[in-house]
Amino acid sequence: MLTTPIFKANDIRGIVGGEDAEWDSDGARALGRAYVEIAGLAGKTFVMSRDMRTSGPQQSKAFATGATEGGASVIDVGLASTDGLWFASGHLGLPGVQFTASHNPARYNGAKFCRVGAQPVTSDFLIELRTLAMTYDAQGLPAPVAVPGTVSEQDILGEYGSYLRSLVDLDGIRRLKVVVDAGNGMAGYTVPSVLGPLNVEVIGLYLDLDGTFPNHQPNPLAPENLVDAQKAVIEHGADLALVFDGDADRCFVIDERGLVVSPSTVTALIAAAELKREPGSTIVINSITSRSVAEVVAENGGKLVISKVGHTYVKALMAEYGAIFGGEHSAHYYFRDFWGADTGMLAGLHVLGLLGHGDAPLSELAHQYERYVASGEINTNVEDQQAMMEKVAAAYADRGTVSWEDGLIVRGERWWVSLRSSNTEPLLRLNVEAADEATMVAWRDETLSLVRGEGNA
């Protein structure tokens, strides 16, 4: 079974199991067969991995069955973070598929795809994949090819850790105490390999893999999922905390005071360091990253490229412009030396390196990049999202510059308001930024009143 809603803008994601299931192992098998045909992989090989979700083994195995029946061979690297799959794709020179639903609740599973060298697939590819997979699911699969492919296994975890450490200057860093909250997700699998050889004391929270997420949801964008790490930093007198999402491709950072360092600030911090290493390089950010990043890039002589929100868009621009680094408000960080792909673990290593080579605490290191006040992402269930965005645009038309390059963005001299539809959930996402708290709160509250039908709505 496959249903249309699982096919998102950048990947596949939906409920597995139960009466409300959106796809199952038969659907995964049809998807595997369609993938081989759309990607032209008959007689060729791709790499596959999965996160710790309980449905991962059945879904990935079924996908591999469909793929081998279509003539492709599979290198199964087993458990891996999503950036572990990007590494495998780049390291082995193969296209790849990762079974994950990222930060979604436990009943969800999905798949992310990449071309050779961790390069993103296109929207046209995903549309063609949906069409053919849905056809096979409805009408039945073709007979297996005369020479089916094979499945082999390979462990890449050690090479993944070594490669990440090779990209950051970590020699001679001072001893750091680091809280790591894996949220029972894949960081619990990768952290020992990556951080184990370093001069750091790791205080682990929820490092055991458990796809039911018994402690908190694996979504660090939600403030309630950061509380345990914030408390642990204070309790242990740690230098910082790193909090990962379920598939560990995103990393949130908490300073020594237990306060969140915004992903835009982390982006500015790493961008400044990368531009110091390679002056004049290009940095990619998305449309709702803080204005502070653009200012920092300009001050450090870099070039700035702005992308739509979403990893496929950012990765495409990273490749097009040969960008050295990219960052999103959602804590996705992209590196040229990691095949232009996103890796939360490498971002965490950069923060450790920058902190460990100096004496200042993280709060002081980050302060120079904290120039604006942001609302954080606020989500609202809205039935007709486009109509609501148009309503807000009309209300603000004479108060700022309205643009539609990525949802709705209204910009003033020292503020901006963004409303955009989620790529993965039925939500309208609001982000507001301003030069001071009062201005940000005023725009945030007025926009929420319009969106949620309060006050004048």
Foldseek 3Di string as FASTA:
>chain_A
DAAPQQQFQFWGKWFEDDPPGHDYLLLLLLLLLLLCVLVVAAQHEAEEEEKLQPRTVSSVVSSQNSNQLNRYEYAYAYHAFPLRQLLCLQVVQAKYKYWANWQDARRMIIIGTAGRNRAGDHSVSSVSSVVSSVVCSVPNDDGGDPGGYYYHYDHCLLVVQVLLVVVFPQPPFDEFEEEEEALLARCLVRVCNNCVVHNYHYDYHNSHHDSNSPPDGQAVLDVVVLVVVLVVLQVVQGLKYWRAGRSQLFIWIAGSNSHTQFQLLLLLLVLLVVCVVPPAFEEEEEPQRDPLSVVSCVVSRYHYDYFADDQNGQLVVCVVRVGQKYTYRSRFIAGSSSSRGTGNVSSVVNLSRVPRVDDDGPCVSSVVSPQKDKPRKDKDQDDDQLVLLVVVCVVCVVPADWDCPHRIWGDDPFKIWHWHADSNDNIIIIMIMGRDDVVRVVVVVVSCCSRVVHDPD
